[in-house]
Amino acid sequence: MPEQLTRHPEVTLQVLRSAGAQCAEGAPQDILTSCPAERFCKLPGGEICVFGLSDASKMTQITTTEWRALLPLALPESPPAPESVMNEALLSGGLGLLAGVAIGLAFSYFRRRHH
């Protein structure tokens, strides 16, 4: 029988209850014996244990190795380091300044030639 991990365990329990599941009512736990009673649901076809994100470490069907394998998939790419962002800003600003000086010199040169 499955353990389920969700961001919204209370909503999941309500949905299961609406489908006829006995959730957090003290129903006998034949298979999921380590499921906290307040997270346990019994249905005619089996049992479900609903965990919230804060209780993920209490799950018994997913091993530490499996959690570690999932972690890189769940983490976004790290943002650039602050110094690299500053270096990019300084480089962009410097290039902009140089471009401005070059345009100014070119404008000045052409202006002098035409007068």
C-alpha atoms as a PDB file:
ATOM      1  CA  MET A   1       0.000   0.000   0.000  1.00  0.00           C
ATOM      2  CA  PRO A   2       1.338   3.434  -0.859  1.00  0.00           C
ATOM      3  CA  GLU A   3       2.612   6.359   1.095  1.00  0.00           C
ATOM      4  CA  GLN A   4       1.739   9.659  -0.580  1.00  0.00           C
ATOM      5  CA  LEU A   5       3.723  12.899  -0.298  1.00  0.00           C
ATOM      6  CA  THR A   6       1.904  16.153  -0.921  1.00  0.00           C
ATOM      7  CA  ARG A   7       2.201  19.849  -0.212  1.00  0.00           C
ATOM      8  CA  HIS A   8      -1.448  19.812   0.918  1.00  0.00           C
ATOM      9  CA  PRO A   9      -2.064  16.749   3.122  1.00  0.00           C
ATOM     10  CA  GLU A  10      -5.289  18.090   4.659  1.00  0.00           C
ATOM     11  CA  VAL A  11      -6.824  18.677   1.230  1.00  0.00           C
ATOM     12  CA  THR A  12      -5.744  15.200   0.125  1.00  0.00           C
ATOM     13  CA  LEU A  13      -7.366  13.675   3.211  1.00  0.00           C
ATOM     14  CA  GLN A  14     -10.595  15.604   2.478  1.00  0.00           C
ATOM     15  CA  VAL A  15     -10.628  14.351  -1.111  1.00  0.00           C
ATOM     16  CA  LEU A  16     -10.092  10.769   0.051  1.00  0.00           C
ATOM     17  CA  ARG A  17     -12.898  11.147   2.627  1.00  0.00           C
ATOM     18  CA  SER A  18     -15.217  12.479  -0.098  1.00  0.00           C
ATOM     19  CA  ALA A  19     -14.550   9.242  -2.000  1.00  0.00           C
ATOM     20  CA  GLY A  20     -15.555   7.144   1.004  1.00  0.00           C
ATOM     21  CA  ALA A  21     -12.182   6.592   2.666  1.00  0.00           C
ATOM     22  CA  GLN A  22     -11.990   6.344   6.435  1.00  0.00           C
ATOM     23  CA  CYS A  23      -9.244   8.836   7.311  1.00  0.00           C
ATOM     24  CA  ALA A  24      -7.948   9.551  10.818  1.00  0.00           C
ATOM     25  CA  GLU A  25     -10.867   7.618  12.310  1.00  0.00           C
ATOM     26  CA  GLY A  26      -8.930   4.864  14.047  1.00  0.00           C
ATOM     27  CA  ALA A  27      -9.521   2.258  11.341  1.00  0.00           C
ATOM     28  CA  PRO A  28      -7.320  -0.832  11.731  1.00  0.00           C
ATOM     29  CA  GLN A  29      -3.947  -0.473  10.014  1.00  0.00           C
ATOM     30  CA  ASP A  30      -3.261  -3.894   8.556  1.00  0.00           C
ATOM     31  CA  ILE A  31      -0.389  -3.010   6.208  1.00  0.00           C
ATOM     32  CA  LEU A  32       0.742   0.568   6.899  1.00  0.00           C
ATOM     33  CA  THR A  33       1.291  -0.051  10.587  1.00  0.00           C
ATOM     34  CA  SER A  34       3.840   2.754  11.038  1.00  0.00           C
ATOM     35  CA  CYS A  35       1.616   5.430   9.460  1.00  0.00           C
ATOM     36  CA  PRO A  36       0.586   8.148  11.933  1.00  0.00           C
ATOM     37  CA  ALA A  37      -3.116   7.575  12.733  1.00  0.00           C
ATOM     38  CA  GLU A  38      -4.020  11.152  11.753  1.00  0.00           C
ATOM     39  CA  ARG A  39      -2.570  10.533   8.255  1.00  0.00           C
ATOM     40  CA  PHE A  40      -3.953   7.034   7.696  1.00  0.00           C
ATOM     41  CA  CYS A  41      -6.823   6.288   5.301  1.00  0.00           C
ATOM     42  CA  LYS A  42      -8.540   2.964   4.743  1.00  0.00           C
ATOM     43  CA  LEU A  43     -10.438   2.292   1.543  1.00  0.00           C
ATOM     44  CA  PRO A  44     -12.197  -0.857   0.344  1.00  0.00           C
ATOM     45  CA  GLY A  45      -9.254  -1.503  -1.995  1.00  0.00           C
ATOM     46  CA  GLY A  46      -6.424  -0.814   0.441  1.00  0.00           C
ATOM     47  CA  GLU A  47      -4.654   1.691   2.653  1.00  0.00           C
ATOM     48  CA  ILE A  48      -2.977   5.045   2.049  1.00  0.00           C
ATOM     49  CA  CYS A  49      -0.716   7.092   4.286  1.00  0.00           C
ATOM     50  CA  VAL A  50      -0.674  10.810   3.420  1.00  0.00           C
ATOM     51  CA  PHE A  51       2.432  12.802   4.344  1.00  0.00           C
ATOM     52  CA  GLY A  52       2.993  16.538   4.134  1.00  0.00           C
ATOM     53  CA  LEU A  53       6.356  17.924   3.061  1.00  0.00           C
ATOM     54  CA  SER A  54       7.375  18.591   6.664  1.00  0.00           C
ATOM     55  CA  ASP A  55       6.821  14.904   7.485  1.00  0.00           C
ATOM     56  CA  ALA A  56       8.664  13.461   4.476  1.00  0.00           C
ATOM     57  CA  SER A  57      11.463  12.165   6.709  1.00  0.00           C
ATOM     58  CA  LYS A  58       8.937   9.897   8.465  1.00  0.00           C
ATOM     59  CA  MET A  59       8.114   8.017   5.273  1.00  0.00           C
ATOM     60  CA  THR A  60       9.263   4.399   5.294  1.00  0.00           C
ATOM     61  CA  GLN A  61       8.883   3.347   1.652  1.00  0.00           C
ATOM     62  CA  ILE A  62      11.474   5.728   0.187  1.00  0.00           C
ATOM     63  CA  THR A  63      15.090   5.109   1.159  1.00  0.00           C
ATOM     64  CA  THR A  64      17.722   7.742   1.881  1.00  0.00           C
ATOM     65  CA  THR A  65      19.481   6.747  -1.339  1.00  0.00           C
ATOM     66  CA  GLU A  66      16.289   7.348  -3.328  1.00  0.00           C
ATOM     67  CA  TRP A  67      15.786  10.774  -1.693  1.00  0.00           C
ATOM     68  CA  ARG A  68      19.373  11.720  -2.554  1.00  0.00           C
ATOM     69  CA  ALA A  69      18.865  10.649  -6.166  1.00  0.00           C
ATOM     70  CA  LEU A  70      15.788  12.893  -6.402  1.00  0.00           C
ATOM     71  CA  LEU A  71      17.388  15.930  -4.779  1.00  0.00           C
ATOM     72  CA  PRO A  72      19.373  17.172  -7.811  1.00  0.00           C
ATOM     73  CA  LEU A  73      16.203  16.953  -9.908  1.00  0.00           C
ATOM     74  CA  ALA A  74      14.259  19.044  -7.396  1.00  0.00           C
ATOM     75  CA  LEU A  75      16.820  21.813  -6.966  1.00  0.00           C
ATOM     76  CA  PRO A  76      16.930  24.647  -9.475  1.00  0.00           C
ATOM     77  CA  GLU A  77      20.241  25.656 -10.960  1.00  0.00           C
ATOM     78  CA  SER A  78      22.087  27.829  -8.495  1.00  0.00           C
ATOM     79  CA  PRO A  79      21.933  31.557  -9.158  1.00  0.00           C
ATOM     80  CA  PRO A  80      25.147  33.256 -10.212  1.00  0.00           C
ATOM     81  CA  ALA A  81      27.445  34.318  -7.404  1.00  0.00           C
ATOM     82  CA  PRO A  82      27.113  38.000  -6.417  1.00  0.00           C
ATOM     83  CA  GLU A  83      30.670  38.802  -7.508  1.00  0.00           C
ATOM     84  CA  SER A  84      30.075  37.410 -10.998  1.00  0.00           C
ATOM     85  CA  VAL A  85      26.944  39.562 -11.332  1.00  0.00           C
ATOM     86  CA  MET A  86      28.943  42.610 -10.225  1.00  0.00           C
ATOM     87  CA  ASN A  87      31.754  41.766 -12.643  1.00  0.00           C
ATOM     88  CA  GLU A  88      29.240  41.494 -15.485  1.00  0.00           C
ATOM     89  CA  ALA A  89      27.716  44.860 -14.532  1.00  0.00           C
ATOM     90  CA  LEU A  90      31.129  46.521 -14.404  1.00  0.00           C
ATOM     91  CA  LEU A  91      32.102  45.007 -17.740  1.00  0.00           C
ATOM     92  CA  SER A  92      28.825  46.113 -19.339  1.00  0.00           C
ATOM     93  CA  GLY A  93      29.189  49.599 -17.884  1.00  0.00           C
ATOM     94  CA  GLY A  94      32.789  49.833 -19.052  1.00  0.00           C
ATOM     95  CA  LEU A  95      31.883  48.703 -22.550  1.00  0.00           C
ATOM     96  CA  GLY A  96      29.045  51.218 -22.629  1.00  0.00           C
ATOM     97  CA  LEU A  97      31.396  54.004 -21.553  1.00  0.00           C
ATOM     98  CA  LEU A  98      33.942  53.038 -24.213  1.00  0.00           C
ATOM     99  CA  ALA A  99      31.217  52.914 -26.868  1.00  0.00           C
ATOM    100  CA  GLY A 100      30.024  56.359 -25.779  1.00  0.00           C
ATOM    101  CA  VAL A 101      33.538  57.805 -25.989  1.00  0.00           C
ATOM    102  CA  ALA A 102      34.064  56.221 -29.436  1.00  0.00           C
ATOM    103  CA  ILE A 103      30.772  57.632 -30.739  1.00  0.00           C
ATOM    104  CA  GLY A 104      31.599  61.046 -29.272  1.00  0.00           C
ATOM    105  CA  LEU A 105      35.039  61.078 -30.902  1.00  0.00           C
ATOM    106  CA  ALA A 106      33.622  59.961 -34.244  1.00  0.00           C
ATOM    107  CA  PHE A 107      30.908  62.620 -34.095  1.00  0.00           C
ATOM    108  CA  SER A 108      33.474  65.271 -33.190  1.00  0.00           C
ATOM    109  CA  TYR A 109      35.773  64.161 -36.037  1.00  0.00           C
ATOM    110  CA  PHE A 110      33.009  64.275 -38.656  1.00  0.00           C
ATOM    111  CA  ARG A 111      31.740  67.603 -37.354  1.00  0.00           C
ATOM    112  CA  ARG A 112      35.209  69.174 -37.708  1.00  0.00           C
ATOM    113  CA  ARG A 113      35.612  67.812 -41.246  1.00  0.00           C
ATOM    114  CA  HIS A 114      32.334  69.306 -42.427  1.00  0.00           C
ATOM    115  CA  HIS A 115      32.932  72.836 -40.993  1.00  0.00           C
END
